[in-house]
Amino acid sequence: NYSANWNIQLYLTSGFIGIASHLFLDWY
């Protein structure tokens, strides 16, 4: 994203939050 100047960091962050919640719930 940084190298290609895509400007999608918020989408990556949002996706990471969703995935982290999935992993947390699987642990919980």
PDB file of all heavy atoms in Angstrom:
ATOM      1  N   ASN A   1       0.827  -1.197   0.000  1.00  0.00           N
ATOM      2  CA  ASN A   1       0.000   0.000   0.000  1.00  0.00           C
ATOM      3  C   ASN A   1       0.866   1.253   0.000  1.00  0.00           C
ATOM      4  O   ASN A   1       0.637   2.186  -0.756  1.00  0.00           O
ATOM      5  CB  ASN A   1      -0.933  -0.002   1.217  1.00  0.00           C
ATOM      6  CG  ASN A   1      -1.699   1.291   1.365  1.00  0.00           C
ATOM      7  OD1 ASN A   1      -2.399   1.715   0.463  1.00  0.00           O
ATOM      8  ND2 ASN A   1      -1.549   1.940   2.508  1.00  0.00           N
ATOM      9  N   TYR A   2       1.880   1.253   0.843  1.00  0.00           N
ATOM     10  CA  TYR A   2       2.779   2.404   0.942  1.00  0.00           C
ATOM     11  C   TYR A   2       3.576   2.586  -0.353  1.00  0.00           C
ATOM     12  O   TYR A   2       3.674   3.697  -0.885  1.00  0.00           O
ATOM     13  CB  TYR A   2       3.726   2.222   2.136  1.00  0.00           C
ATOM     14  CG  TYR A   2       4.715   3.342   2.292  1.00  0.00           C
ATOM     15  CD1 TYR A   2       4.317   4.557   2.838  1.00  0.00           C
ATOM     16  CD2 TYR A   2       6.032   3.191   1.880  1.00  0.00           C
ATOM     17  CE1 TYR A   2       5.220   5.590   2.975  1.00  0.00           C
ATOM     18  CE2 TYR A   2       6.947   4.215   2.021  1.00  0.00           C
ATOM     19  CZ  TYR A   2       6.539   5.426   2.558  1.00  0.00           C
ATOM     20  OH  TYR A   2       7.432   6.448   2.694  1.00  0.00           O
ATOM     21  N   SER A   3       4.111   1.495  -0.874  1.00  0.00           N
ATOM     22  CA  SER A   3       4.934   1.555  -2.089  1.00  0.00           C
ATOM     23  C   SER A   3       4.115   1.951  -3.321  1.00  0.00           C
ATOM     24  O   SER A   3       4.595   2.697  -4.182  1.00  0.00           O
ATOM     25  CB  SER A   3       5.594   0.206  -2.363  1.00  0.00           C
ATOM     26  OG  SER A   3       6.450  -0.139  -1.316  1.00  0.00           O
ATOM     27  N   ALA A   4       2.918   1.455  -3.418  1.00  0.00           N
ATOM     28  CA  ALA A   4       2.090   1.689  -4.603  1.00  0.00           C
ATOM     29  C   ALA A   4       1.200   2.922  -4.474  1.00  0.00           C
ATOM     30  O   ALA A   4       0.461   3.244  -5.396  1.00  0.00           O
ATOM     31  CB  ALA A   4       1.233   0.458  -4.884  1.00  0.00           C
ATOM     32  N   ASN A   5       1.240   3.575  -3.322  1.00  0.00           N
ATOM     33  CA  ASN A   5       0.392   4.749  -3.086  1.00  0.00           C
ATOM     34  C   ASN A   5      -1.093   4.451  -3.282  1.00  0.00           C
ATOM     35  O   ASN A   5      -1.824   5.217  -3.905  1.00  0.00           O
ATOM     36  CB  ASN A   5       0.788   5.910  -3.990  1.00  0.00           C
ATOM     37  CG  ASN A   5       1.628   6.920  -3.262  1.00  0.00           C
ATOM     38  OD1 ASN A   5       1.697   6.918  -2.042  1.00  0.00           O
ATOM     39  ND2 ASN A   5       2.276   7.783  -4.030  1.00  0.00           N
ATOM     40  N   TRP A   6      -1.531   3.299  -2.784  1.00  0.00           N
ATOM     41  CA  TRP A   6      -2.928   2.908  -2.958  1.00  0.00           C
ATOM     42  C   TRP A   6      -3.887   3.648  -2.033  1.00  0.00           C
ATOM     43  O   TRP A   6      -5.060   3.745  -2.307  1.00  0.00           O
ATOM     44  CB  TRP A   6      -3.092   1.411  -2.717  1.00  0.00           C
ATOM     45  CG  TRP A   6      -2.601   0.553  -3.820  1.00  0.00           C
ATOM     46  CD1 TRP A   6      -2.241   0.940  -5.073  1.00  0.00           C
ATOM     47  CD2 TRP A   6      -2.427  -0.852  -3.767  1.00  0.00           C
ATOM     48  NE1 TRP A   6      -1.845  -0.133  -5.812  1.00  0.00           N
ATOM     49  CE2 TRP A   6      -1.948  -1.254  -5.026  1.00  0.00           C
ATOM     50  CE3 TRP A   6      -2.614  -1.805  -2.791  1.00  0.00           C
ATOM     51  CZ2 TRP A   6      -1.668  -2.576  -5.328  1.00  0.00           C
ATOM     52  CZ3 TRP A   6      -2.336  -3.111  -3.089  1.00  0.00           C
ATOM     53  CH2 TRP A   6      -1.871  -3.500  -4.349  1.00  0.00           C
ATOM     54  N   ASN A   7      -3.402   4.062  -0.892  1.00  0.00           N
ATOM     55  CA  ASN A   7      -4.237   4.771   0.081  1.00  0.00           C
ATOM     56  C   ASN A   7      -5.391   3.898   0.601  1.00  0.00           C
ATOM     57  O   ASN A   7      -6.547   4.331   0.641  1.00  0.00           O
ATOM     58  CB  ASN A   7      -4.764   6.077  -0.515  1.00  0.00           C
ATOM     59  CG  ASN A   7      -5.231   7.033   0.570  1.00  0.00           C
ATOM     60  OD1 ASN A   7      -4.788   6.949   1.704  1.00  0.00           O
ATOM     61  ND2 ASN A   7      -6.132   7.921   0.213  1.00  0.00           N
ATOM     62  N   ILE A   8      -5.061   2.650   0.957  1.00  0.00           N
ATOM     63  CA  ILE A   8      -6.083   1.732   1.487  1.00  0.00           C
ATOM     64  C   ILE A   8      -5.775   1.311   2.926  1.00  0.00           C
ATOM     65  O   ILE A   8      -6.299   0.318   3.412  1.00  0.00           O
ATOM     66  CB  ILE A   8      -6.227   0.477   0.602  1.00  0.00           C
ATOM     67  CG1 ILE A   8      -4.903  -0.286   0.512  1.00  0.00           C
ATOM     68  CG2 ILE A   8      -6.786   0.824  -0.765  1.00  0.00           C
ATOM     69  CD1 ILE A   8      -5.026  -1.672  -0.066  1.00  0.00           C
ATOM     70  N   GLN A   9      -4.939   2.074   3.611  1.00  0.00           N
ATOM     71  CA  GLN A   9      -4.523   1.683   4.957  1.00  0.00           C
ATOM     72  C   GLN A   9      -5.704   1.553   5.917  1.00  0.00           C
ATOM     73  O   GLN A   9      -5.727   0.662   6.755  1.00  0.00           O
ATOM     74  CB  GLN A   9      -3.486   2.660   5.519  1.00  0.00           C
ATOM     75  CG  GLN A   9      -2.766   2.136   6.750  1.00  0.00           C
ATOM     76  CD  GLN A   9      -1.991   0.845   6.466  1.00  0.00           C
ATOM     77  OE1 GLN A   9      -1.321   0.711   5.454  1.00  0.00           O
ATOM     78  NE2 GLN A   9      -2.105  -0.109   7.371  1.00  0.00           N
ATOM     79  N   LEU A  10      -6.692   2.428   5.798  1.00  0.00           N
ATOM     80  CA  LEU A  10      -7.863   2.313   6.679  1.00  0.00           C
ATOM     81  C   LEU A  10      -8.619   1.008   6.427  1.00  0.00           C
ATOM     82  O   LEU A  10      -9.139   0.398   7.362  1.00  0.00           O
ATOM     83  CB  LEU A  10      -8.792   3.508   6.519  1.00  0.00           C
ATOM     84  CG  LEU A  10      -8.366   4.782   7.247  1.00  0.00           C
ATOM     85  CD1 LEU A  10      -9.350   5.911   6.983  1.00  0.00           C
ATOM     86  CD2 LEU A  10      -8.212   4.545   8.742  1.00  0.00           C
ATOM     87  N   TYR A  11      -8.656   0.565   5.177  1.00  0.00           N
ATOM     88  CA  TYR A  11      -9.312  -0.714   4.874  1.00  0.00           C
ATOM     89  C   TYR A  11      -8.503  -1.874   5.440  1.00  0.00           C
ATOM     90  O   TYR A  11      -9.070  -2.837   5.963  1.00  0.00           O
ATOM     91  CB  TYR A  11      -9.523  -0.869   3.360  1.00  0.00           C
ATOM     92  CG  TYR A  11     -10.623   0.020   2.862  1.00  0.00           C
ATOM     93  CD1 TYR A  11     -10.327   1.274   2.331  1.00  0.00           C
ATOM     94  CD2 TYR A  11     -11.954  -0.364   2.948  1.00  0.00           C
ATOM     95  CE1 TYR A  11     -11.339   2.111   1.894  1.00  0.00           C
ATOM     96  CE2 TYR A  11     -12.970   0.462   2.515  1.00  0.00           C
ATOM     97  CZ  TYR A  11     -12.650   1.698   1.992  1.00  0.00           C
ATOM     98  OH  TYR A  11     -13.663   2.527   1.573  1.00  0.00           O
ATOM     99  N   LEU A  12      -7.189  -1.773   5.343  1.00  0.00           N
ATOM    100  CA  LEU A  12      -6.335  -2.810   5.931  1.00  0.00           C
ATOM    101  C   LEU A  12      -6.507  -2.849   7.446  1.00  0.00           C
ATOM    102  O   LEU A  12      -6.612  -3.918   8.038  1.00  0.00           O
ATOM    103  CB  LEU A  12      -4.869  -2.575   5.562  1.00  0.00           C
ATOM    104  CG  LEU A  12      -4.522  -2.707   4.082  1.00  0.00           C
ATOM    105  CD1 LEU A  12      -3.068  -2.325   3.839  1.00  0.00           C
ATOM    106  CD2 LEU A  12      -4.800  -4.110   3.589  1.00  0.00           C
ATOM    107  N   THR A  13      -6.544  -1.679   8.060  1.00  0.00           N
ATOM    108  CA  THR A  13      -6.735  -1.605   9.515  1.00  0.00           C
ATOM    109  C   THR A  13      -8.092  -2.163   9.907  1.00  0.00           C
ATOM    110  O   THR A  13      -8.212  -2.936  10.860  1.00  0.00           O
ATOM    111  CB  THR A  13      -6.591  -0.153   9.994  1.00  0.00           C
ATOM    112  OG1 THR A  13      -5.291   0.322   9.631  1.00  0.00           O
ATOM    113  CG2 THR A  13      -6.788  -0.035  11.498  1.00  0.00           C
ATOM    114  N   SER A  14      -9.120  -1.792   9.170  1.00  0.00           N
ATOM    115  CA  SER A  14     -10.467  -2.290   9.434  1.00  0.00           C
ATOM    116  C   SER A  14     -10.527  -3.811   9.299  1.00  0.00           C
ATOM    117  O   SER A  14     -11.106  -4.512  10.135  1.00  0.00           O
ATOM    118  CB  SER A  14     -11.441  -1.625   8.465  1.00  0.00           C
ATOM    119  OG  SER A  14     -12.737  -2.122   8.631  1.00  0.00           O
ATOM    120  N   GLY A  15      -9.906  -4.325   8.241  1.00  0.00           N
ATOM    121  CA  GLY A  15      -9.854  -5.771   8.047  1.00  0.00           C
ATOM    122  C   GLY A  15      -9.098  -6.469   9.156  1.00  0.00           C
ATOM    123  O   GLY A  15      -9.510  -7.527   9.635  1.00  0.00           O
ATOM    124  N   PHE A  16      -8.018  -5.876   9.587  1.00  0.00           N
ATOM    125  CA  PHE A  16      -7.230  -6.465  10.672  1.00  0.00           C
ATOM    126  C   PHE A  16      -8.033  -6.504  11.974  1.00  0.00           C
ATOM    127  O   PHE A  16      -7.974  -7.483  12.713  1.00  0.00           O
ATOM    128  CB  PHE A  16      -5.922  -5.691  10.863  1.00  0.00           C
ATOM    129  CG  PHE A  16      -4.966  -6.372  11.787  1.00  0.00           C
ATOM    130  CD1 PHE A  16      -4.236  -7.472  11.354  1.00  0.00           C
ATOM    131  CD2 PHE A  16      -4.805  -5.945  13.090  1.00  0.00           C
ATOM    132  CE1 PHE A  16      -3.345  -8.120  12.204  1.00  0.00           C
ATOM    133  CE2 PHE A  16      -3.929  -6.577  13.946  1.00  0.00           C
ATOM    134  CZ  PHE A  16      -3.198  -7.670  13.506  1.00  0.00           C
ATOM    135  N   ILE A  17      -8.807  -5.472  12.221  1.00  0.00           N
ATOM    136  CA  ILE A  17      -9.667  -5.451  13.420  1.00  0.00           C
ATOM    137  C   ILE A  17     -10.687  -6.578  13.347  1.00  0.00           C
ATOM    138  O   ILE A  17     -10.932  -7.290  14.331  1.00  0.00           O
ATOM    139  CB  ILE A  17     -10.351  -4.077  13.583  1.00  0.00           C
ATOM    140  CG1 ILE A  17      -9.307  -3.031  14.009  1.00  0.00           C
ATOM    141  CG2 ILE A  17     -11.500  -4.141  14.606  1.00  0.00           C
ATOM    142  CD1 ILE A  17      -9.802  -1.601  13.954  1.00  0.00           C
ATOM    143  N   GLY A  18     -11.290  -6.774  12.185  1.00  0.00           N
ATOM    144  CA  GLY A  18     -12.258  -7.862  12.012  1.00  0.00           C
ATOM    145  C   GLY A  18     -11.624  -9.221  12.225  1.00  0.00           C
ATOM    146  O   GLY A  18     -12.176 -10.086  12.918  1.00  0.00           O
ATOM    147  N   ILE A  19     -10.451  -9.429  11.652  1.00  0.00           N
ATOM    148  CA  ILE A  19      -9.754 -10.705  11.804  1.00  0.00           C
ATOM    149  C   ILE A  19      -9.326 -10.913  13.254  1.00  0.00           C
ATOM    150  O   ILE A  19      -9.459 -12.012  13.804  1.00  0.00           O
ATOM    151  CB  ILE A  19      -8.554 -10.781  10.843  1.00  0.00           C
ATOM    152  CG1 ILE A  19      -9.068 -10.945   9.414  1.00  0.00           C
ATOM    153  CG2 ILE A  19      -7.606 -11.908  11.220  1.00  0.00           C
ATOM    154  CD1 ILE A  19      -8.063 -10.663   8.346  1.00  0.00           C
ATOM    155  N   ALA A  20      -8.833  -9.863  13.889  1.00  0.00           N
ATOM    156  CA  ALA A  20      -8.425  -9.969  15.296  1.00  0.00           C
ATOM    157  C   ALA A  20      -9.616 -10.345  16.180  1.00  0.00           C
ATOM    158  O   ALA A  20      -9.479 -11.144  17.121  1.00  0.00           O
ATOM    159  CB  ALA A  20      -7.797  -8.658  15.771  1.00  0.00           C
ATOM    160  N   SER A  21     -10.799  -9.804  15.866  1.00  0.00           N
ATOM    161  CA  SER A  21     -11.984 -10.169  16.663  1.00  0.00           C
ATOM    162  C   SER A  21     -12.318 -11.643  16.462  1.00  0.00           C
ATOM    163  O   SER A  21     -12.710 -12.332  17.409  1.00  0.00           O
ATOM    164  CB  SER A  21     -13.181  -9.284  16.297  1.00  0.00           C
ATOM    165  OG  SER A  21     -13.744  -9.654  15.059  1.00  0.00           O
ATOM    166  N   HIS A  22     -12.149 -12.130  15.239  1.00  0.00           N
ATOM    167  CA  HIS A  22     -12.395 -13.551  14.954  1.00  0.00           C
ATOM    168  C   HIS A  22     -11.458 -14.425  15.785  1.00  0.00           C
ATOM    169  O   HIS A  22     -11.901 -15.372  16.454  1.00  0.00           O
ATOM    170  CB  HIS A  22     -12.179 -13.832  13.463  1.00  0.00           C
ATOM    171  CG  HIS A  22     -12.447 -15.251  13.090  1.00  0.00           C
ATOM    172  ND1 HIS A  22     -13.529 -15.612  12.332  1.00  0.00           N
ATOM    173  CD2 HIS A  22     -11.791 -16.407  13.367  1.00  0.00           C
ATOM    174  CE1 HIS A  22     -13.529 -16.924  12.168  1.00  0.00           C
ATOM    175  NE2 HIS A  22     -12.473 -17.433  12.783  1.00  0.00           N
ATOM    176  N   LEU A  23     -10.177 -14.109  15.739  1.00  0.00           N
ATOM    177  CA  LEU A  23      -9.200 -14.902  16.488  1.00  0.00           C
ATOM    178  C   LEU A  23      -9.451 -14.818  17.993  1.00  0.00           C
ATOM    179  O   LEU A  23      -9.340 -15.818  18.699  1.00  0.00           O
ATOM    180  CB  LEU A  23      -7.782 -14.458  16.136  1.00  0.00           C
ATOM    181  CG  LEU A  23      -7.380 -14.665  14.667  1.00  0.00           C
ATOM    182  CD1 LEU A  23      -5.986 -14.119  14.425  1.00  0.00           C
ATOM    183  CD2 LEU A  23      -7.489 -16.118  14.256  1.00  0.00           C
ATOM    184  N   PHE A  24      -9.818 -13.624  18.473  1.00  0.00           N
ATOM    185  CA  PHE A  24     -10.128 -13.478  19.891  1.00  0.00           C
ATOM    186  C   PHE A  24     -11.310 -14.362  20.283  1.00  0.00           C
ATOM    187  O   PHE A  24     -11.261 -15.072  21.305  1.00  0.00           O
ATOM    188  CB  PHE A  24     -10.443 -12.018  20.245  1.00  0.00           C
ATOM    189  CG  PHE A  24     -10.970 -11.859  21.639  1.00  0.00           C
ATOM    190  CD1 PHE A  24     -10.100 -11.872  22.727  1.00  0.00           C
ATOM    191  CD2 PHE A  24     -12.330 -11.752  21.881  1.00  0.00           C
ATOM    192  CE1 PHE A  24     -10.586 -11.749  24.024  1.00  0.00           C
ATOM    193  CE2 PHE A  24     -12.821 -11.632  23.169  1.00  0.00           C
ATOM    194  CZ  PHE A  24     -11.950 -11.632  24.246  1.00  0.00           C
ATOM    195  N   LEU A  25     -12.355 -14.345  19.479  1.00  0.00           N
ATOM    196  CA  LEU A  25     -13.536 -15.158  19.799  1.00  0.00           C
ATOM    197  C   LEU A  25     -13.227 -16.650  19.738  1.00  0.00           C
ATOM    198  O   LEU A  25     -13.748 -17.425  20.540  1.00  0.00           O
ATOM    199  CB  LEU A  25     -14.703 -14.805  18.876  1.00  0.00           C
ATOM    200  CG  LEU A  25     -15.338 -13.439  19.127  1.00  0.00           C
ATOM    201  CD1 LEU A  25     -16.334 -13.101  18.037  1.00  0.00           C
ATOM    202  CD2 LEU A  25     -15.986 -13.375  20.501  1.00  0.00           C
ATOM    203  N   ASP A  26     -12.383 -17.058  18.799  1.00  0.00           N
ATOM    204  CA  ASP A  26     -11.990 -18.471  18.740  1.00  0.00           C
ATOM    205  C   ASP A  26     -11.176 -18.866  19.968  1.00  0.00           C
ATOM    206  O   ASP A  26     -11.261 -19.993  20.440  1.00  0.00           O
ATOM    207  CB  ASP A  26     -11.203 -18.768  17.469  1.00  0.00           C
ATOM    208  CG  ASP A  26     -12.094 -18.955  16.260  1.00  0.00           C
ATOM    209  OD1 ASP A  26     -13.335 -18.972  16.424  1.00  0.00           O
ATOM    210  OD2 ASP A  26     -11.560 -19.072  15.147  1.00  0.00           O
ATOM    211  N   TRP A  27     -10.375 -17.956  20.484  1.00  0.00           N
ATOM    212  CA  TRP A  27      -9.628 -18.221  21.723  1.00  0.00           C
ATOM    213  C   TRP A  27     -10.584 -18.225  22.909  1.00  0.00           C
ATOM    214  O   TRP A  27     -10.544 -19.108  23.755  1.00  0.00           O
ATOM    215  CB  TRP A  27      -8.542 -17.156  21.932  1.00  0.00           C
ATOM    216  CG  TRP A  27      -7.977 -17.181  23.312  1.00  0.00           C
ATOM    217  CD1 TRP A  27      -7.032 -18.034  23.796  1.00  0.00           C
ATOM    218  CD2 TRP A  27      -8.348 -16.346  24.403  1.00  0.00           C
ATOM    219  NE1 TRP A  27      -6.778 -17.771  25.130  1.00  0.00           N
ATOM    220  CE2 TRP A  27      -7.590 -16.730  25.522  1.00  0.00           C
ATOM    221  CE3 TRP A  27      -9.255 -15.288  24.544  1.00  0.00           C
ATOM    222  CZ2 TRP A  27      -7.702 -16.109  26.764  1.00  0.00           C
ATOM    223  CZ3 TRP A  27      -9.369 -14.665  25.779  1.00  0.00           C
ATOM    224  CH2 TRP A  27      -8.596 -15.080  26.860  1.00  0.00           C
ATOM    225  N   TYR A  28     -11.461 -17.242  22.960  1.00  0.00           N
ATOM    226  CA  TYR A  28     -12.377 -17.064  24.082  1.00  0.00           C
ATOM    227  C   TYR A  28     -13.325 -18.245  24.242  1.00  0.00           C
ATOM    228  O   TYR A  28     -13.528 -18.747  25.334  1.00  0.00           O
ATOM    229  CB  TYR A  28     -13.181 -15.771  23.879  1.00  0.00           C
ATOM    230  CG  TYR A  28     -14.291 -15.567  24.881  1.00  0.00           C
ATOM    231  CD1 TYR A  28     -14.012 -15.082  26.144  1.00  0.00           C
ATOM    232  CD2 TYR A  28     -15.607 -15.858  24.558  1.00  0.00           C
ATOM    233  CE1 TYR A  28     -15.026 -14.891  27.067  1.00  0.00           C
ATOM    234  CE2 TYR A  28     -16.622 -15.667  25.468  1.00  0.00           C
ATOM    235  CZ  TYR A  28     -16.330 -15.184  26.722  1.00  0.00           C
ATOM    236  OH  TYR A  28     -17.331 -15.008  27.627  1.00  0.00           O
TER     237      TYR A  28
END
